[in-house]
């Protein structure tokens, strides 16, 4: 019995380690309070955990560019790169994104998305020219969901826009999605799978941290995903209520086998070796942006 429990523990540890091969990092302005020595330690520990790739959610959030090419974020990411970590750099995020997509009809949503893609393309060019960081991919922080893209015409417009956008980049495009329970799991899986056909890496957030859907429902969506869609395992438990600023506590990500799917964890802030980031955030002001 003891041997069986040990084997199970080792298997779960190996699965979590595999999930941590890719870790999301969501920059907040308050993170500027960490020293370069602290960042050095965080990235060293991240690499020791088996992480190979850091997906940075954004490098511009509204008017904030986190200090630009000589700022704290760029300097921190240079330290990460020196630890052998590959970087997928996030582009531009509109703080009003979720409010705006609530208000728009299909034609308005298409026009708004096109404008946001233009801003992200300009940010990508700025990163290439000024930040000069080696990148393995570009992450578009405009998250997809099956509520705002419930209509087939919206999904078709989005697929065309993403294909055109990806063709303008010099490294693979990454984008993430989450399920609100509006599309049937099979239709949702087909939609996300089709988005990958142009070379875009789609990441589906498992929703364990936000717990908007019951575990059985979430599992149904996960099971219906094609192998080309990666799964993001949420390593937090949301404690804030709807309408409140986002607050969460660290939690262990889902330890089930990723099967044929690539796996990532959201986010570094909630992992044990990223504790200094969360402690600094709590010390100063709490979260200054919201997750979806």
Foldseek 3Di string as FASTA:
>chain_A
DVVVVVVVVVLLLVLLLQQLLEAEDEDFLLLLPDDLVLLLQLLLVSVVSNHAEYEYLECEEPPDNQQAQPHDVLSSVVSNVVSNHAYAHEFYHYLCLVVVLVPDDLVRVLVVVLVLLVRRVVRLVSCVVRNVDDHQHYEYNNEAECVSVVDPVSLVSVLVSLLVSQVVDPHAYEHEYEYQPRDQLLVVQVSQVSSCPSPHAYEYELCPQVPNDPPVRSVRNLVNHDQSHAYEWEQWHWDDDPPDATDTAGHRTDSDHSPSHRHYYYHSCRDPSNVVSVVSCVVPPHGPGHDD
